[in-house]
PDB file of N, CA and C in Angstrom:
ATOM      1  N   MET A   1      33.582 186.972 -96.074  1.00  0.00           N
ATOM      2  CA  MET A   1      32.268 186.609 -95.614  1.00  0.00           C
ATOM      3  C   MET A   1      32.334 186.342 -94.120  1.00  0.00           C
ATOM      4  N   SER A   2      31.364 186.821 -93.404  1.00  0.00           N
ATOM      5  CA  SER A   2      31.304 186.568 -91.976  1.00  0.00           C
ATOM      6  C   SER A   2      30.792 185.154 -91.741  1.00  0.00           C
ATOM      7  N   ASP A   3      30.631 184.787 -90.492  1.00  0.00           N
ATOM      8  CA  ASP A   3      30.103 183.467 -90.174  1.00  0.00           C
ATOM      9  C   ASP A   3      28.629 183.338 -90.524  1.00  0.00           C
ATOM     10  N   ARG A   4      27.992 184.429 -90.852  1.00  0.00           N
ATOM     11  CA  ARG A   4      26.586 184.401 -91.256  1.00  0.00           C
ATOM     12  C   ARG A   4      26.528 184.397 -92.785  1.00  0.00           C
ATOM     13  N   THR A   5      25.942 183.384 -93.350  1.00  0.00           N
ATOM     14  CA  THR A   5      25.795 183.300 -94.795  1.00  0.00           C
ATOM     15  C   THR A   5      24.356 183.615 -95.152  1.00  0.00           C
ATOM     16  N   ARG A   6      24.197 184.513 -96.094  1.00  0.00           N
ATOM     17  CA  ARG A   6      22.863 184.865 -96.575  1.00  0.00           C
ATOM     18  C   ARG A   6      22.534 183.992 -97.776  1.00  0.00           C
ATOM     19  N   ILE A   7      21.327 183.501 -97.812  1.00  0.00           N
ATOM     20  CA  ILE A   7      20.917 182.590 -98.878  1.00  0.00           C
ATOM     21  C   ILE A   7      21.059 183.233-100.251  1.00  0.00           C
ATOM     22  N   GLY A   8      20.899 184.559-100.359  1.00  0.00           N
ATOM     23  CA  GLY A   8      21.046 185.243-101.636  1.00  0.00           C
ATOM     24  C   GLY A   8      22.463 185.224-102.178  1.00  0.00           C
ATOM     25  N   GLU A   9      23.448 184.973-101.315  1.00  0.00           N
ATOM     26  CA  GLU A   9      24.843 184.895-101.749  1.00  0.00           C
ATOM     27  C   GLU A   9      25.162 183.539-102.389  1.00  0.00           C
ATOM     28  N   ILE A  10      24.324 182.564-102.151  1.00  0.00           N
ATOM     29  CA  ILE A  10      24.530 181.212-102.667  1.00  0.00           C
ATOM     30  C   ILE A  10      23.824 181.135-104.024  1.00  0.00           C
ATOM     31  N   ARG A  11      24.462 181.685-105.066  1.00  0.00           N
ATOM     32  CA  ARG A  11      23.761 181.870-106.337  1.00  0.00           C
ATOM     33  C   ARG A  11      24.379 181.150-107.534  1.00  0.00           C
ATOM     34  N   HIS A  12      25.491 180.491-107.366  1.00  0.00           N
ATOM     35  CA  HIS A  12      26.125 179.779-108.479  1.00  0.00           C
ATOM     36  C   HIS A  12      25.728 178.304-108.437  1.00  0.00           C
ATOM     37  N   ARG A  13      25.391 177.735-109.592  1.00  0.00           N
ATOM     38  CA  ARG A  13      25.102 176.300-109.681  1.00  0.00           C
ATOM     39  C   ARG A  13      26.391 175.581-110.032  1.00  0.00           C
ATOM     40  N   VAL A  14      26.812 174.657-109.170  1.00  0.00           N
ATOM     41  CA  VAL A  14      28.058 173.925-109.370  1.00  0.00           C
ATOM     42  C   VAL A  14      27.783 172.431-109.331  1.00  0.00           C
ATOM     43  N   ASP A  15      28.662 171.674-109.961  1.00  0.00           N
ATOM     44  CA  ASP A  15      28.586 170.218-109.929  1.00  0.00           C
ATOM     45  C   ASP A  15      29.640 169.681-108.965  1.00  0.00           C
ATOM     46  N   LEU A  16      29.220 168.821-108.046  1.00  0.00           N
ATOM     47  CA  LEU A  16      30.152 168.091-107.194  1.00  0.00           C
ATOM     48  C   LEU A  16      30.469 166.800-107.928  1.00  0.00           C
ATOM     49  N   GLN A  17      31.757 166.554-108.164  1.00  0.00           N
ATOM     50  CA  GLN A  17      32.153 165.413-108.978  1.00  0.00           C
ATOM     51  C   GLN A  17      33.059 164.458-108.213  1.00  0.00           C
ATOM     52  N   THR A  18      32.923 163.163-108.556  1.00  0.00           N
ATOM     53  CA  THR A  18      33.780 162.122-107.998  1.00  0.00           C
ATOM     54  C   THR A  18      34.481 161.404-109.148  1.00  0.00           C
ATOM     55  N   ARG A  19      35.639 160.861-108.839  1.00  0.00           N
ATOM     56  CA  ARG A  19      36.379 160.100-109.850  1.00  0.00           C
ATOM     57  C   ARG A  19      35.693 158.752-110.026  1.00  0.00           C
ATOM     58  N   ALA A  20      35.558 158.339-111.281  1.00  0.00           N
ATOM     59  CA  ALA A  20      34.913 157.063-111.595  1.00  0.00           C
ATOM     60  C   ALA A  20      35.777 156.291-112.580  1.00  0.00           C
ATOM     61  N   ASP A  21      35.962 155.009-112.301  1.00  0.00           N
ATOM     62  CA  ASP A  21      36.691 154.132-113.213  1.00  0.00           C
ATOM     63  C   ASP A  21      35.678 153.374-114.060  1.00  0.00           C
ATOM     64  N   THR A  22      35.944 153.308-115.373  1.00  0.00           N
ATOM     65  CA  THR A  22      35.060 152.630-116.307  1.00  0.00           C
ATOM     66  C   THR A  22      35.860 151.561-117.042  1.00  0.00           C
ATOM     67  N   ALA A  23      35.284 150.381-117.168  1.00  0.00           N
ATOM     68  CA  ALA A  23      35.951 149.301-117.902  1.00  0.00           C
ATOM     69  C   ALA A  23      36.170 149.726-119.348  1.00  0.00           C
ATOM     70  N   ASP A  24      37.381 149.469-119.865  1.00  0.00           N
ATOM     71  CA  ASP A  24      37.696 149.894-121.236  1.00  0.00           C
ATOM     72  C   ASP A  24      37.463 148.798-122.265  1.00  0.00           C
ATOM     73  N   GLY A  25      36.996 147.612-121.835  1.00  0.00           N
ATOM     74  CA  GLY A  25      36.720 146.522-122.768  1.00  0.00           C
ATOM     75  C   GLY A  25      37.922 145.661-123.064  1.00  0.00           C
ATOM     76  N   SER A  26      39.095 146.048-122.598  1.00  0.00           N
ATOM     77  CA  SER A  26      40.319 145.282-122.831  1.00  0.00           C
ATOM     78  C   SER A  26      40.888 144.740-121.527  1.00  0.00           C
ATOM     79  N   GLY A  27      40.060 144.710-120.501  1.00  0.00           N
ATOM     80  CA  GLY A  27      40.521 144.215-119.208  1.00  0.00           C
ATOM     81  C   GLY A  27      41.079 145.302-118.306  1.00  0.00           C
ATOM     82  N   GLY A  28      41.119 146.515-118.793  1.00  0.00           N
ATOM     83  CA  GLY A  28      41.630 147.635-117.998  1.00  0.00           C
ATOM     84  C   GLY A  28      40.523 148.627-117.688  1.00  0.00           C
ATOM     85  N   PHE A  29      40.939 149.743-117.159  1.00  0.00           N
ATOM     86  CA  PHE A  29      39.984 150.776-116.788  1.00  0.00           C
ATOM     87  C   PHE A  29      40.464 152.140-117.265  1.00  0.00           C
ATOM     88  N   THR A  30      39.515 152.999-117.564  1.00  0.00           N
ATOM     89  CA  THR A  30      39.824 154.406-117.801  1.00  0.00           C
ATOM     90  C   THR A  30      39.213 155.199-116.656  1.00  0.00           C
ATOM     91  N   SER A  31      39.915 156.224-116.257  1.00  0.00           N
ATOM     92  CA  SER A  31      39.467 157.021-115.125  1.00  0.00           C
ATOM     93  C   SER A  31      38.927 158.350-115.619  1.00  0.00           C
ATOM     94  N   GLY A  32      37.819 158.773-115.074  1.00  0.00           N
ATOM     95  CA  GLY A  32      37.210 160.046-115.440  1.00  0.00           C
ATOM     96  C   GLY A  32      36.432 160.592-114.265  1.00  0.00           C
ATOM     97  N   TRP A  33      35.665 161.640-114.524  1.00  0.00           N
ATOM     98  CA  TRP A  33      34.880 162.289-113.476  1.00  0.00           C
ATOM     99  C   TRP A  33      33.402 162.187-113.794  1.00  0.00           C
ATOM    100  N   THR A  34      32.607 161.990-112.756  1.00  0.00           N
ATOM    101  CA  THR A  34      31.166 161.943-112.908  1.00  0.00           C
ATOM    102  C   THR A  34      30.507 162.868-111.891  1.00  0.00           C
ATOM    103  N   THR A  35      29.446 163.536-112.296  1.00  0.00           N
ATOM    104  CA  THR A  35      28.745 164.449-111.402  1.00  0.00           C
ATOM    105  C   THR A  35      27.864 163.643-110.459  1.00  0.00           C
ATOM    106  N   SER A  36      28.086 163.831-109.158  1.00  0.00           N
ATOM    107  CA  SER A  36      27.275 163.129-108.169  1.00  0.00           C
ATOM    108  C   SER A  36      26.104 163.978-107.705  1.00  0.00           C
ATOM    109  N   LYS A  37      26.260 165.310-107.763  1.00  0.00           N
ATOM    110  CA  LYS A  37      25.190 166.185-107.308  1.00  0.00           C
ATOM    111  C   LYS A  37      25.438 167.592-107.840  1.00  0.00           C
ATOM    112  N   THR A  38      24.362 168.307-108.157  1.00  0.00           N
ATOM    113  CA  THR A  38      24.437 169.713-108.532  1.00  0.00           C
ATOM    114  C   THR A  38      23.819 170.518-107.399  1.00  0.00           C
ATOM    115  N   VAL A  39      24.558 171.514-106.907  1.00  0.00           N
ATOM    116  CA  VAL A  39      24.113 172.301-105.757  1.00  0.00           C
ATOM    117  C   VAL A  39      24.358 173.780-106.021  1.00  0.00           C
ATOM    118  N   SER A  40      23.762 174.613-105.192  1.00  0.00           N
ATOM    119  CA  SER A  40      24.014 176.055-105.238  1.00  0.00           C
ATOM    120  C   SER A  40      25.192 176.373-104.335  1.00  0.00           C
ATOM    121  N   ALA A  41      25.985 177.386-104.730  1.00  0.00           N
ATOM    122  CA  ALA A  41      27.209 177.688-103.987  1.00  0.00           C
ATOM    123  C   ALA A  41      27.559 179.170-104.067  1.00  0.00           C
ATOM    124  N   LYS A  42      28.381 179.588-103.130  1.00  0.00           N
ATOM    125  CA  LYS A  42      29.017 180.897-103.176  1.00  0.00           C
ATOM    126  C   LYS A  42      30.499 180.639-103.414  1.00  0.00           C
ATOM    127  N   ILE A  43      31.068 181.300-104.419  1.00  0.00           N
ATOM    128  CA  ILE A  43      32.474 181.100-104.767  1.00  0.00           C
ATOM    129  C   ILE A  43      33.216 182.394-104.511  1.00  0.00           C
ATOM    130  N   GLU A  44      34.249 182.320-103.668  1.00  0.00           N
ATOM    131  CA  GLU A  44      35.050 183.494-103.331  1.00  0.00           C
ATOM    132  C   GLU A  44      36.531 183.207-103.566  1.00  0.00           C
ATOM    133  N   PRO A  45      37.215 184.039-104.336  1.00  0.00           N
ATOM    134  CA  PRO A  45      38.663 183.879-104.458  1.00  0.00           C
ATOM    135  C   PRO A  45      39.330 184.215-103.131  1.00  0.00           C
ATOM    136  N   VAL A  46      40.378 183.476-102.796  1.00  0.00           N
ATOM    137  CA  VAL A  46      41.090 183.694-101.537  1.00  0.00           C
ATOM    138  C   VAL A  46      42.485 184.244-101.791  1.00  0.00           C
ATOM    139  N   SER A  47      43.247 183.565-102.652  1.00  0.00           N
ATOM    140  CA  SER A  47      44.613 184.015-102.908  1.00  0.00           C
ATOM    141  C   SER A  47      45.065 183.581-104.292  1.00  0.00           C
ATOM    142  N   ALA A  48      46.090 184.246-104.771  1.00  0.00           N
ATOM    143  CA  ALA A  48      46.716 183.888-106.040  1.00  0.00           C
ATOM    144  C   ALA A  48      48.210 184.119-105.902  1.00  0.00           C
ATOM    145  N   ARG A  49      48.988 183.178-106.392  1.00  0.00           N
ATOM    146  CA  ARG A  49      50.439 183.336-106.371  1.00  0.00           C
ATOM    147  C   ARG A  49      51.043 182.473-107.467  1.00  0.00           C
ATOM    148  N   GLU A  50      52.258 182.795-107.791  1.00  0.00           N
ATOM    149  CA  GLU A  50      52.969 182.013-108.785  1.00  0.00           C
ATOM    150  C   GLU A  50      54.032 181.189-108.091  1.00  0.00           C
ATOM    151  N   VAL A  51      54.140 179.932-108.500  1.00  0.00           N
ATOM    152  CA  VAL A  51      55.168 179.055-107.962  1.00  0.00           C
ATOM    153  C   VAL A  51      55.979 178.492-109.120  1.00  0.00           C
ATOM    154  N   GLN A  52      57.238 178.220-108.849  1.00  0.00           N
ATOM    155  CA  GLN A  52      58.098 177.657-109.878  1.00  0.00           C
ATOM    156  C   GLN A  52      58.293 176.187-109.563  1.00  0.00           C
ATOM    157  N   PHE A  53      58.047 175.354-110.561  1.00  0.00           N
ATOM    158  CA  PHE A  53      58.184 173.913-110.405  1.00  0.00           C
ATOM    159  C   PHE A  53      58.777 173.350-111.681  1.00  0.00           C
ATOM    160  N   ALA A  54      59.874 172.665-111.555  1.00  0.00           N
ATOM    161  CA  ALA A  54      60.560 172.046-112.692  1.00  0.00           C
ATOM    162  C   ALA A  54      60.861 173.060-113.792  1.00  0.00           C
ATOM    163  N   GLY A  55      61.270 174.247-113.387  1.00  0.00           N
ATOM    164  CA  GLY A  55      61.649 175.273-114.341  1.00  0.00           C
ATOM    165  C   GLY A  55      60.499 176.004-114.994  1.00  0.00           C
ATOM    166  N   LYS A  56      59.278 175.713-114.580  1.00  0.00           N
ATOM    167  CA  LYS A  56      58.105 176.376-115.148  1.00  0.00           C
ATOM    168  C   LYS A  56      57.369 177.138-114.053  1.00  0.00           C
ATOM    169  N   VAL A  57      56.779 178.261-114.443  1.00  0.00           N
ATOM    170  CA  VAL A  57      55.991 179.061-113.507  1.00  0.00           C
ATOM    171  C   VAL A  57      54.529 178.662-113.638  1.00  0.00           C
ATOM    172  N   LYS A  58      53.920 178.385-112.500  1.00  0.00           N
ATOM    173  CA  LYS A  58      52.509 177.982-112.482  1.00  0.00           C
ATOM    174  C   LYS A  58      51.754 178.890-111.530  1.00  0.00           C
ATOM    175  N   ALA A  59      50.589 179.341-111.958  1.00  0.00           N
ATOM    176  CA  ALA A  59      49.742 180.153-111.091  1.00  0.00           C
ATOM    177  C   ALA A  59      48.942 179.228-110.186  1.00  0.00           C
ATOM    178  N   ARG A  60      48.886 179.577-108.902  1.00  0.00           N
ATOM    179  CA  ARG A  60      48.056 178.844-107.944  1.00  0.00           C
ATOM    180  C   ARG A  60      46.994 179.801-107.433  1.00  0.00           C
ATOM    181  N   VAL A  61      45.747 179.500-107.729  1.00  0.00           N
ATOM    182  CA  VAL A  61      44.633 180.346-107.318  1.00  0.00           C
ATOM    183  C   VAL A  61      43.745 179.512-106.395  1.00  0.00           C
ATOM    184  N   THR A  62      43.508 180.021-105.187  1.00  0.00           N
ATOM    185  CA  THR A  62      42.668 179.295-104.242  1.00  0.00           C
ATOM    186  C   THR A  62      41.328 179.999-104.078  1.00  0.00           C
ATOM    187  N   HIS A  63      40.326 179.205-103.737  1.00  0.00           N
ATOM    188  CA  HIS A  63      38.961 179.710-103.563  1.00  0.00           C
ATOM    189  C   HIS A  63      38.329 179.073-102.339  1.00  0.00           C
ATOM    190  N   LYS A  64      37.347 179.776-101.818  1.00  0.00           N
ATOM    191  CA  LYS A  64      36.506 179.249-100.749  1.00  0.00           C
ATOM    192  C   LYS A  64      35.117 179.113-101.353  1.00  0.00           C
ATOM    193  N   ILE A  65      34.589 177.896-101.357  1.00  0.00           N
ATOM    194  CA  ILE A  65      33.272 177.626-101.923  1.00  0.00           C
ATOM    195  C   ILE A  65      32.356 177.188-100.786  1.00  0.00           C
ATOM    196  N   THR A  66      31.268 177.925-100.594  1.00  0.00           N
ATOM    197  CA  THR A  66      30.320 177.636 -99.523  1.00  0.00           C
ATOM    198  C   THR A  66      29.068 177.005-100.106  1.00  0.00           C
ATOM    199  N   ILE A  67      28.665 175.866 -99.522  1.00  0.00           N
ATOM    200  CA  ILE A  67      27.455 175.162 -99.951  1.00  0.00           C
ATOM    201  C   ILE A  67      26.654 174.763 -98.710  1.00  0.00           C
ATOM    202  N   ARG A  68      25.392 174.392 -98.934  1.00  0.00           N
ATOM    203  CA  ARG A  68      24.625 173.808 -97.837  1.00  0.00           C
ATOM    204  C   ARG A  68      25.274 172.483 -97.458  1.00  0.00           C
ATOM    205  N   LYS A  69      25.187 172.128 -96.195  1.00  0.00           N
ATOM    206  CA  LYS A  69      25.852 170.921 -95.715  1.00  0.00           C
ATOM    207  C   LYS A  69      25.375 169.688 -96.466  1.00  0.00           C
ATOM    208  N   GLN A  70      26.329 168.906 -96.927  1.00  0.00           N
ATOM    209  CA  GLN A  70      26.103 167.646 -97.626  1.00  0.00           C
ATOM    210  C   GLN A  70      26.951 166.593 -96.926  1.00  0.00           C
ATOM    211  N   ALA A  71      26.358 165.506 -96.529  1.00  0.00           N
ATOM    212  CA  ALA A  71      27.105 164.471 -95.818  1.00  0.00           C
ATOM    213  C   ALA A  71      28.131 163.782 -96.712  1.00  0.00           C
ATOM    214  N   SER A  72      27.910 163.796 -98.012  1.00  0.00           N
ATOM    215  CA  SER A  72      28.751 163.009 -98.922  1.00  0.00           C
ATOM    216  C   SER A  72      29.943 163.771 -99.512  1.00  0.00           C
ATOM    217  N   VAL A  73      30.188 165.001 -99.113  1.00  0.00           N
ATOM    218  CA  VAL A  73      31.286 165.775 -99.697  1.00  0.00           C
ATOM    219  C   VAL A  73      32.583 165.466 -98.949  1.00  0.00           C
ATOM    220  N   VAL A  74      33.610 165.050 -99.702  1.00  0.00           N
ATOM    221  CA  VAL A  74      34.918 164.720 -99.128  1.00  0.00           C
ATOM    222  C   VAL A  74      36.013 165.364 -99.964  1.00  0.00           C
ATOM    223  N   SER A  75      37.214 165.376 -99.417  1.00  0.00           N
ATOM    224  CA  SER A  75      38.292 166.139-100.035  1.00  0.00           C
ATOM    225  C   SER A  75      38.844 165.554-101.327  1.00  0.00           C
ATOM    226  N   HIS A  76      38.549 164.317-101.680  1.00  0.00           N
ATOM    227  CA  HIS A  76      39.056 163.794-102.961  1.00  0.00           C
ATOM    228  C   HIS A  76      38.086 164.052-104.115  1.00  0.00           C
ATOM    229  N   MET A  77      37.089 164.873-103.882  1.00  0.00           N
ATOM    230  CA  MET A  77      36.151 165.260-104.935  1.00  0.00           C
ATOM    231  C   MET A  77      36.624 166.556-105.590  1.00  0.00           C
ATOM    232  N   ARG A  78      35.856 167.035-106.556  1.00  0.00           N
ATOM    233  CA  ARG A  78      36.145 168.324-107.161  1.00  0.00           C
ATOM    234  C   ARG A  78      34.832 169.038-107.471  1.00  0.00           C
ATOM    235  N   VAL A  79      34.942 170.338-107.730  1.00  0.00           N
ATOM    236  CA  VAL A  79      33.795 171.175-108.063  1.00  0.00           C
ATOM    237  C   VAL A  79      33.979 171.672-109.483  1.00  0.00           C
ATOM    238  N   LEU A  80      32.933 171.583-110.280  1.00  0.00           N
ATOM    239  CA  LEU A  80      32.959 172.093-111.647  1.00  0.00           C
ATOM    240  C   LEU A  80      31.972 173.252-111.719  1.00  0.00           C
ATOM    241  N   PHE A  81      32.463 174.420-112.137  1.00  0.00           N
ATOM    242  CA  PHE A  81      31.621 175.595-112.317  1.00  0.00           C
ATOM    243  C   PHE A  81      31.939 176.197-113.673  1.00  0.00           C
ATOM    244  N   GLN A  82      30.965 176.150-114.575  1.00  0.00           N
ATOM    245  CA  GLN A  82      31.141 176.587-115.961  1.00  0.00           C
ATOM    246  C   GLN A  82      32.342 175.866-116.540  1.00  0.00           C
ATOM    247  N   ASP A  83      33.399 176.559-116.945  1.00  0.00           N
ATOM    248  CA  ASP A  83      34.565 175.886-117.515  1.00  0.00           C
ATOM    249  C   ASP A  83      35.717 175.792-116.526  1.00  0.00           C
ATOM    250  N   LYS A  84      35.450 176.033-115.246  1.00  0.00           N
ATOM    251  CA  LYS A  84      36.496 176.000-114.217  1.00  0.00           C
ATOM    252  C   LYS A  84      36.345 174.762-113.332  1.00  0.00           C
ATOM    253  N   VAL A  85      37.500 174.190-112.985  1.00  0.00           N
ATOM    254  CA  VAL A  85      37.550 173.028-112.114  1.00  0.00           C
ATOM    255  C   VAL A  85      38.256 173.445-110.828  1.00  0.00           C
ATOM    256  N   PHE A  86      37.674 173.062-109.699  1.00  0.00           N
ATOM    257  CA  PHE A  86      38.254 173.377-108.397  1.00  0.00           C
ATOM    258  C   PHE A  86      38.506 172.069-107.649  1.00  0.00           C
ATOM    259  N   GLU A  87      39.772 171.800-107.360  1.00  0.00           N
ATOM    260  CA  GLU A  87      40.129 170.608-106.596  1.00  0.00           C
ATOM    261  C   GLU A  87      39.878 170.903-105.121  1.00  0.00           C
ATOM    262  N   ILE A  88      39.131 170.029-104.456  1.00  0.00           N
ATOM    263  CA  ILE A  88      38.831 170.225-103.038  1.00  0.00           C
ATOM    264  C   ILE A  88      39.999 169.707-102.205  1.00  0.00           C
ATOM    265  N   HIS A  89      40.588 170.603-101.395  1.00  0.00           N
ATOM    266  CA  HIS A  89      41.687 170.217-100.509  1.00  0.00           C
ATOM    267  C   HIS A  89      41.240 170.056 -99.064  1.00  0.00           C
ATOM    268  N   GLY A  90      40.116 170.655 -98.716  1.00  0.00           N
ATOM    269  CA  GLY A  90      39.615 170.549 -97.355  1.00  0.00           C
ATOM    270  C   GLY A  90      38.129 170.839 -97.293  1.00  0.00           C
ATOM    271  N   VAL A  91      37.456 170.194 -96.354  1.00  0.00           N
ATOM    272  CA  VAL A  91      36.022 170.385 -96.143  1.00  0.00           C
ATOM    273  C   VAL A  91      35.833 170.700 -94.661  1.00  0.00           C
ATOM    274  N   ARG A  92      35.158 171.816 -94.384  1.00  0.00           N
ATOM    275  CA  ARG A  92      34.937 172.202 -92.980  1.00  0.00           C
ATOM    276  C   ARG A  92      33.589 172.879 -92.831  1.00  0.00           C
ATOM    277  N   GLU A  93      33.071 172.835 -91.593  1.00  0.00           N
ATOM    278  CA  GLU A  93      31.825 173.533 -91.308  1.00  0.00           C
ATOM    279  C   GLU A  93      32.118 175.012 -91.149  1.00  0.00           C
ATOM    280  N   LEU A  94      31.215 175.852 -91.646  1.00  0.00           N
ATOM    281  CA  LEU A  94      31.398 177.299 -91.565  1.00  0.00           C
ATOM    282  C   LEU A  94      31.281 177.779 -90.130  1.00  0.00           C
ATOM    283  N   ASP A  95      30.282 177.286 -89.440  1.00  0.00           N
ATOM    284  CA  ASP A  95      30.062 177.672 -88.050  1.00  0.00           C
ATOM    285  C   ASP A  95      29.383 176.493 -87.356  1.00  0.00           C
ATOM    286  N   PHE A  96      28.836 176.713 -86.212  1.00  0.00           N
ATOM    287  CA  PHE A  96      28.205 175.621 -85.480  1.00  0.00           C
ATOM    288  C   PHE A  96      26.710 175.507 -85.748  1.00  0.00           C
ATOM    289  N   SER A  97      26.233 176.139 -86.817  1.00  0.00           N
ATOM    290  CA  SER A  97      24.814 176.077 -87.146  1.00  0.00           C
ATOM    291  C   SER A  97      24.431 174.760 -87.826  1.00  0.00           C
ATOM    292  N   ASN A  98      25.440 173.977 -88.257  1.00  0.00           N
ATOM    293  CA  ASN A  98      25.214 172.696 -88.916  1.00  0.00           C
ATOM    294  C   ASN A  98      24.478 172.859 -90.246  1.00  0.00           C
ATOM    295  N   ARG A  99      24.633 174.039 -90.883  1.00  0.00           N
ATOM    296  CA  ARG A  99      23.929 174.321 -92.146  1.00  0.00           C
ATOM    297  C   ARG A  99      24.855 174.457 -93.341  1.00  0.00           C
ATOM    298  N   TRP A 100      26.082 174.941 -93.140  1.00  0.00           N
ATOM    299  CA  TRP A 100      26.954 175.298 -94.259  1.00  0.00           C
ATOM    300  C   TRP A 100      28.276 174.547 -94.200  1.00  0.00           C
ATOM    301  N   LEU A 101      28.788 174.201 -95.375  1.00  0.00           N
ATOM    302  CA  LEU A 101      30.133 173.655 -95.518  1.00  0.00           C
ATOM    303  C   LEU A 101      30.970 174.618 -96.324  1.00  0.00           C
ATOM    304  N   VAL A 102      32.229 174.728 -95.968  1.00  0.00           N
ATOM    305  CA  VAL A 102      33.185 175.494 -96.752  1.00  0.00           C
ATOM    306  C   VAL A 102      34.159 174.497 -97.368  1.00  0.00           C
ATOM    307  N   LEU A 103      34.317 174.609 -98.687  1.00  0.00           N
ATOM    308  CA  LEU A 103      35.255 173.762 -99.418  1.00  0.00           C
ATOM    309  C   LEU A 103      36.457 174.631 -99.752  1.00  0.00           C
ATOM    310  N   ASP A 104      37.619 174.274 -99.215  1.00  0.00           N
ATOM    311  CA  ASP A 104      38.852 174.988 -99.526  1.00  0.00           C
ATOM    312  C   ASP A 104      39.414 174.342-100.785  1.00  0.00           C
ATOM    313  N   CYS A 105      39.488 175.138-101.860  1.00  0.00           N
ATOM    314  CA  CYS A 105      39.792 174.592-103.186  1.00  0.00           C
ATOM    315  C   CYS A 105      40.939 175.323-103.864  1.00  0.00           C
ATOM    316  N   GLU A 106      41.531 174.633-104.823  1.00  0.00           N
ATOM    317  CA  GLU A 106      42.526 175.239-105.711  1.00  0.00           C
ATOM    318  C   GLU A 106      42.014 175.085-107.133  1.00  0.00           C
ATOM    319  N   GLU A 107      42.056 176.175-107.872  1.00  0.00           N
ATOM    320  CA  GLU A 107      41.600 176.131-109.263  1.00  0.00           C
ATOM    321  C   GLU A 107      42.581 175.333-110.090  1.00  0.00           C
ATOM    322  N   GLY A 108      42.057 174.411-110.852  1.00  0.00           N
ATOM    323  CA  GLY A 108      42.905 173.560-111.675  1.00  0.00           C
ATOM    324  C   GLY A 108      42.436 173.547-113.104  1.00  0.00           C
ATOM    325  N   VAL A 109      42.772 172.479-113.788  1.00  0.00           N
ATOM    326  CA  VAL A 109      42.347 172.317-115.179  1.00  0.00           C
ATOM    327  C   VAL A 109      41.530 171.046-115.300  1.00  0.00           C
ATOM    328  N   ALA A 110      40.591 171.046-116.217  1.00  0.00           N
ATOM    329  CA  ALA A 110      39.756 169.868-116.433  1.00  0.00           C
ATOM    330  C   ALA A 110      40.592 168.737-116.977  1.00  0.00           C
ATOM    331  N   SER A 111      40.337 167.528-116.454  1.00  0.00           N
ATOM    332  CA  SER A 111      41.041 166.346-116.960  1.00  0.00           C
ATOM    333  C   SER A 111      40.101 165.180-117.095  1.00  0.00           C
TER     334      SER A 111
END
């Protein structure tokens, strides 16, 4: 994608999620995810590779997700699209138009 984003390319509905701790009734907490906002996005695969960790092979798939600028999006959030979870590793502006954010993400598993 060039630095110019066309509104028609922003066609996927995604959930921006934050981690939330909930009291478990026994004095402790359980941690989960809650949707803070649903927005339209463009999702583009960037790279895929296999890495070996602790004797196991794991696929690492990265994506670039473009959304309209949101002041509340930070790198410890995640994106949920259908049954896929994308961990946000970086948040940056697409260009100097102050309209678009690019979320550099790695596809993960729901937890």
